[in-house]
Amino acid sequence: MSATTRRTRRTAALLLGATLVTLTATACNSTGGPSVSTEAKQTAATSAPAAGDGGSAPAKPTDSKPSDSKPAETKPAESKPAEAAKAPAKVGDTIALKSTLEKGNTADVTALKVVDPAQSTNEYLTAADGKHYVAVQFQIKPTGAKAYSEAPWSAAKVIDDQGQAYGPTLADTKAGPSFQTPTNIASGETGKGFVVFEVPNGTKLDKVQFSLDNGFADQVGQWKLG
């Protein structure tokens, strides 16, 4: 059996599996609808207070001598500016994601690296004329009671600056190893792999997205590129 035939059958099997997941999600979904999460998960280093912030400064002793000076003028309290909006997650940040289908299926997902363009590992399997491959490396760490056992290949997409989305392809590139299908990661452990996309030449990618439930969870993590 040729490599092309095996790859075609593999693609058909993945598409069939994704369709079944879609039907299941549609039947079981009882949440308030999809949402896009762009807030990066805070780490201990970013959330810890700065040194010296934990305590108040010692009070200065009061002067008991009478004073002939005029009482100090009381200045009106200055209003603090509104808290600046949090910057969207970018490559290198982690987003906490959750499943729609299983309550115990949660994971911290990090978009680690973007390789654009990415070169195919197979000289006979290359991007179509006028297009090229882009490889995005993700790290997945299950944080709930459930292990991660899904197909990351079907869980990601990239979006250009015009809002056009591009789905993944099964090509392997020299950027690094792709995720296996399915990928099995025990709770608390981490797994890494690339997902590859085929996009038109000249495309300016703006965002990358990832979600659980093989890409059909209501919650979608989103990272800003550039």
Protein backbone atom coordinates (compact mmCIF):
# COMPACT_ATOMS: atom_id res chain seq x y z
CA MET A 1 0.00 0.00 0.00
CA SER A 2 1.48 3.40 -1.00
CA ALA A 3 2.09 6.25 1.43
CA THR A 4 -0.47 8.37 -0.43
CA THR A 5 -3.16 5.69 -0.01
CA ARG A 6 -2.41 5.32 3.68
CA ARG A 7 -2.58 9.07 4.18
CA THR A 8 -5.88 9.30 2.30
CA ARG A 9 -7.42 6.59 4.46
CA ARG A 10 -6.10 8.25 7.59
CA THR A 11 -7.65 11.56 6.56
CA ALA A 12 -11.00 9.89 5.86
CA ALA A 13 -10.96 8.19 9.27
CA LEU A 14 -10.20 11.46 11.05
CA LEU A 15 -12.95 13.30 9.20
CA LEU A 16 -15.42 10.56 10.11
CA GLY A 17 -14.38 10.75 13.76
CA ALA A 18 -14.73 14.53 13.77
CA THR A 19 -18.23 14.24 12.31
CA LEU A 20 -19.29 11.82 15.02
CA VAL A 21 -17.92 14.15 17.70
CA THR A 22 -19.86 17.03 16.19
CA LEU A 23 -23.13 15.10 16.32
CA THR A 24 -22.48 14.06 19.92
CA ALA A 25 -21.64 17.60 20.97
CA THR A 26 -24.78 18.92 19.32
CA ALA A 27 -26.93 16.37 21.15
CA CYS A 28 -25.29 16.79 24.58
CA ASN A 29 -24.48 20.50 24.65
CA SER A 30 -26.45 22.25 27.39
CA THR A 31 -24.17 25.25 28.00
CA GLY A 32 -24.75 28.86 27.12
CA GLY A 33 -23.02 28.67 23.77
CA PRO A 34 -19.49 29.08 22.44
CA SER A 35 -16.99 31.58 23.83
CA VAL A 36 -13.48 32.68 22.87
CA SER A 37 -10.95 32.88 25.71
CA THR A 38 -8.07 35.30 25.14
CA GLU A 39 -6.85 35.71 28.74
CA ALA A 40 -3.57 34.06 29.61
CA LYS A 41 -3.40 31.95 32.76
CA GLN A 42 -1.56 33.73 35.58
CA THR A 43 1.56 32.03 36.91
CA ALA A 44 3.00 32.26 40.42
CA ALA A 45 5.69 34.61 39.14
CA THR A 46 3.20 37.08 37.65
CA SER A 47 0.63 36.96 40.46
CA ALA A 48 2.99 37.21 43.47
CA PRO A 49 3.14 40.68 45.13
CA ALA A 50 6.36 42.63 44.77
CA ALA A 51 8.84 42.57 47.64
CA GLY A 52 7.93 45.07 50.34
CA ASP A 53 4.25 45.17 49.41
CA GLY A 54 3.22 42.72 52.10
CA GLY A 55 3.36 45.08 55.06
CA SER A 56 2.71 48.71 55.87
CA ALA A 57 5.45 51.17 56.70
CA PRO A 58 5.97 51.95 60.42
CA ALA A 59 4.08 54.99 61.62
CA LYS A 60 6.11 58.11 62.28
CA PRO A 61 5.95 59.49 65.82
CA THR A 62 3.74 62.54 66.17
CA ASP A 63 5.20 65.85 67.28
CA SER A 64 3.61 66.89 70.57
CA LYS A 65 4.95 70.47 70.44
CA PRO A 66 2.43 73.16 69.60
CA SER A 67 2.88 74.74 66.25
CA ASP A 68 2.07 78.25 65.11
CA SER A 69 1.98 77.27 61.46
CA LYS A 70 -1.24 77.25 59.54
CA PRO A 71 -2.98 73.89 59.14
CA ALA A 72 -2.01 72.13 55.97
CA GLU A 73 -4.42 72.41 53.14
CA THR A 74 -6.35 69.24 52.39
CA LYS A 75 -6.04 68.23 48.77
CA PRO A 76 -8.89 66.40 47.12
CA ALA A 77 -8.20 62.72 46.53
CA GLU A 78 -7.02 62.00 43.04
CA SER A 79 -9.16 59.59 41.12
CA LYS A 80 -7.28 56.53 39.89
CA PRO A 81 -7.48 55.76 36.19
CA ALA A 82 -9.57 52.78 35.22
CA GLU A 83 -7.67 49.51 35.13
CA ALA A 84 -6.19 48.97 31.71
CA ALA A 85 -7.69 46.18 29.66
CA LYS A 86 -5.69 42.98 29.85
CA ALA A 87 -3.61 42.23 26.79
CA PRO A 88 -4.72 39.20 24.77
CA ALA A 89 -2.78 35.96 25.12
CA LYS A 90 0.19 35.70 22.77
CA VAL A 91 2.53 32.93 21.65
CA GLY A 92 4.18 31.50 24.76
CA ASP A 93 1.13 32.09 26.99
CA THR A 94 -1.05 29.39 28.54
CA ILE A 95 -4.87 29.34 28.44
CA ALA A 96 -6.96 27.12 30.71
CA LEU A 97 -9.53 25.25 28.61
CA LYS A 98 -12.46 23.00 29.47
CA SER A 99 -14.55 20.41 27.70
CA THR A 100 -18.21 20.74 26.84
CA LEU A 101 -18.87 16.99 26.89
CA GLU A 102 -17.00 15.88 30.02
CA LYS A 103 -16.84 17.86 33.26
CA GLY A 104 -13.50 16.36 34.31
CA ASN A 105 -11.82 17.11 30.99
CA THR A 106 -9.78 20.30 31.42
CA ALA A 107 -6.33 21.26 30.18
CA ASP A 108 -3.78 24.05 30.17
CA VAL A 109 -2.86 24.67 26.53
CA THR A 110 0.12 26.74 25.40
CA ALA A 111 0.87 27.94 21.88
CA LEU A 112 4.66 27.54 22.01
CA LYS A 113 5.94 28.37 18.55
CA VAL A 114 4.90 29.37 15.02
CA VAL A 115 7.07 28.36 12.05
CA ASP A 116 6.07 30.27 8.89
CA PRO A 117 6.89 29.00 6.34
CA ALA A 118 7.48 25.36 7.29
CA GLN A 119 9.13 22.92 4.89
CA SER A 120 7.59 19.51 4.22
CA THR A 121 9.53 16.41 5.24
CA ASN A 122 8.30 14.65 2.09
CA GLU A 123 9.45 15.96 -1.28
CA TYR A 124 6.39 14.36 -2.91
CA LEU A 125 3.88 15.86 -0.47
CA THR A 126 4.14 19.64 -0.62
CA ALA A 127 1.79 22.59 -0.43
CA ALA A 128 -0.29 23.38 -3.51
CA ASP A 129 0.90 25.98 -6.00
CA GLY A 130 0.56 29.45 -4.54
CA LYS A 131 0.39 28.12 -0.98
CA HIS A 132 2.78 27.17 1.82
CA TYR A 133 2.78 25.33 5.14
CA VAL A 134 2.64 26.97 8.56
CA ALA A 135 3.40 24.84 11.65
CA VAL A 136 2.20 25.75 15.16
CA GLN A 137 3.58 23.90 18.19
CA PHE A 138 1.22 23.39 21.13
CA GLN A 139 1.79 22.05 24.64
CA ILE A 140 -1.13 20.30 26.36
CA LYS A 141 -1.32 19.54 30.09
CA PRO A 142 -4.52 17.85 31.37
CA THR A 143 -5.49 19.47 34.69
CA GLY A 144 -8.67 17.54 35.58
CA ALA A 145 -9.44 13.97 36.52
CA LYS A 146 -9.54 12.87 32.88
CA ALA A 147 -6.56 12.09 30.68
CA TYR A 148 -6.35 13.94 27.37
CA SER A 149 -7.18 11.46 24.61
CA GLU A 150 -8.09 13.43 21.51
CA ALA A 151 -6.85 14.43 18.06
CA PRO A 152 -5.09 17.82 18.36
CA TRP A 153 -4.84 17.78 14.56
CA SER A 154 -8.57 18.57 14.42
CA ALA A 155 -8.60 21.02 17.34
CA ALA A 156 -6.73 24.01 15.90
CA LYS A 157 -7.08 26.68 13.25
CA VAL A 158 -5.28 29.85 12.19
CA ILE A 159 -6.96 33.13 11.22
CA ASP A 160 -5.55 35.88 9.02
CA ASP A 161 -5.85 39.65 9.42
CA GLN A 162 -8.96 39.62 7.20
CA GLY A 163 -10.82 37.13 9.42
CA GLN A 164 -10.35 34.15 7.08
CA ALA A 165 -9.80 30.87 8.98
CA TYR A 166 -7.66 27.97 7.77
CA GLY A 167 -7.99 24.42 9.03
CA PRO A 168 -5.17 21.89 9.53
CA THR A 169 -3.59 19.48 7.08
CA LEU A 170 -1.94 16.12 7.73
CA ALA A 171 1.44 17.13 6.27
CA ASP A 172 4.57 16.68 8.39
CA THR A 173 7.18 19.43 8.35
CA LYS A 174 10.78 19.95 9.37
CA ALA A 175 9.57 22.30 12.10
CA GLY A 176 9.26 19.25 14.37
CA PRO A 177 7.16 16.17 15.16
CA SER A 178 3.41 16.41 14.70
CA PHE A 179 0.94 15.14 17.30
CA GLN A 180 0.00 11.49 17.02
CA THR A 181 -3.65 10.63 16.37
CA PRO A 182 -5.05 10.16 18.91
CA THR A 183 -2.76 11.82 21.44
CA ASN A 184 -2.95 10.35 24.95
CA ILE A 185 -1.62 12.42 27.87
CA ALA A 186 -2.15 11.41 31.51
CA SER A 187 -3.56 13.96 33.94
CA GLY A 188 -0.82 16.23 35.25
CA GLU A 189 1.64 15.32 32.48
CA THR A 190 2.45 17.34 29.37
CA GLY A 191 2.64 16.59 25.67
CA LYS A 192 3.96 18.67 22.75
CA GLY A 193 3.47 18.54 19.02
CA PHE A 194 2.99 20.55 15.86
CA VAL A 195 -0.23 21.14 13.92
CA VAL A 196 0.30 22.09 10.26
CA PHE A 197 -1.79 24.44 8.11
CA GLU A 198 -1.75 25.20 4.39
CA VAL A 199 -2.29 28.90 3.63
CA PRO A 200 -2.02 31.09 0.52
CA ASN A 201 1.30 32.86 -0.06
CA GLY A 202 1.24 36.43 1.17
CA THR A 203 -1.24 35.63 3.97
CA LYS A 204 -0.67 37.63 7.16
CA LEU A 205 -1.78 35.40 10.03
CA ASP A 206 -3.26 37.22 13.01
CA LYS A 207 -4.53 34.58 15.47
CA VAL A 208 -4.36 30.88 16.30
CA GLN A 209 -7.13 28.98 18.09
CA PHE A 210 -7.42 25.65 19.93
CA SER A 211 -10.24 23.87 21.77
CA LEU A 212 -10.94 20.55 23.48
CA ASP A 213 -13.44 17.86 22.39
CA ASN A 214 -11.45 17.40 19.16
CA GLY A 215 -12.11 21.02 18.30
CA PHE A 216 -15.82 21.12 19.12
CA ALA A 217 -15.84 22.40 22.71
CA ASP A 218 -17.79 25.60 23.33
CA GLN A 219 -14.74 27.30 24.86
CA VAL A 220 -12.05 28.24 22.35
CA GLY A 221 -8.58 29.46 23.34
CA GLN A 222 -7.13 32.21 21.17
CA TRP A 223 -3.59 33.56 20.88
CA LYS A 224 -2.59 36.78 19.12
CA LEU A 225 0.27 36.44 16.63
CA GLY A 226 2.91 39.04 15.94
